[in-house]
């Protein structure tokens, strides 16, 4: 089996994406204290992510 080749640019992009997601998560946690609104926001984000990956 061949090893998966990860280039430094792929790794950099993955780290940037992770930092962006963490920052967004923190901001949402601060803003959305109502559980109903938090669930709705999570469903919207999930649909955006699923659309992007398809």
Protein backbone atom coordinates (compact mmCIF):
# COMPACT_ATOMS: atom_id res chain seq x y z
CA UNK A 1 0.00 0.00 0.00
CA UNK A 2 1.25 3.44 -0.85
CA UNK A 3 1.42 6.12 1.78
CA UNK A 4 -0.83 9.12 1.39
CA UNK A 5 1.16 12.09 0.14
CA UNK A 6 0.45 15.31 1.98
CA UNK A 7 2.12 18.42 0.67
CA UNK A 8 3.08 21.32 2.94
CA UNK A 9 0.47 23.51 1.26
CA UNK A 10 -2.25 20.95 2.06
CA UNK A 11 -1.14 20.92 5.67
CA UNK A 12 -1.06 24.72 5.86
CA UNK A 13 -4.59 24.94 4.41
CA UNK A 14 -5.85 22.33 6.86
CA UNK A 15 -4.38 24.26 9.80
CA UNK A 16 -5.91 27.53 8.55
CA UNK A 17 -9.28 25.83 8.17
CA UNK A 18 -9.04 24.38 11.67
CA UNK A 19 -8.19 27.77 13.18
CA UNK A 20 -11.05 29.40 11.30
CA UNK A 21 -13.52 26.77 12.49
CA UNK A 22 -12.33 27.07 16.09
CA UNK A 23 -12.68 30.87 15.99
CA UNK A 24 -16.18 30.56 14.55
CA UNK A 25 -17.14 27.98 17.18
CA UNK A 26 -15.97 30.27 19.99
CA UNK A 27 -17.84 33.25 18.58
CA UNK A 28 -21.02 31.21 18.18
CA UNK A 29 -20.76 29.88 21.74
CA UNK A 30 -20.51 33.43 23.05
CA UNK A 31 -23.43 34.71 20.96
CA UNK A 32 -25.87 31.81 21.06
CA UNK A 33 -26.88 31.16 24.62
CA UNK A 34 -30.39 30.02 23.66
CA UNK A 35 -30.24 26.25 22.98
CA UNK A 36 -32.94 26.47 20.30
CA UNK A 37 -31.00 29.10 18.34
CA UNK A 38 -27.75 27.19 18.82
CA UNK A 39 -29.30 24.03 17.36
CA UNK A 40 -30.68 25.96 14.38
CA UNK A 41 -27.27 27.55 13.73
CA UNK A 42 -25.60 24.13 13.93
CA UNK A 43 -28.03 22.70 11.36
CA UNK A 44 -27.38 25.62 9.00
CA UNK A 45 -23.61 25.22 9.31
CA UNK A 46 -23.89 21.49 8.77
CA UNK A 47 -25.88 22.01 5.58
CA UNK A 48 -23.27 24.50 4.31
CA UNK A 49 -20.45 22.06 4.99
CA UNK A 50 -22.30 19.19 3.31
CA UNK A 51 -22.98 21.33 0.22
CA UNK A 52 -19.32 22.33 -0.03
CA UNK A 53 -18.05 18.74 0.12
CA UNK A 54 -20.40 17.48 -2.62
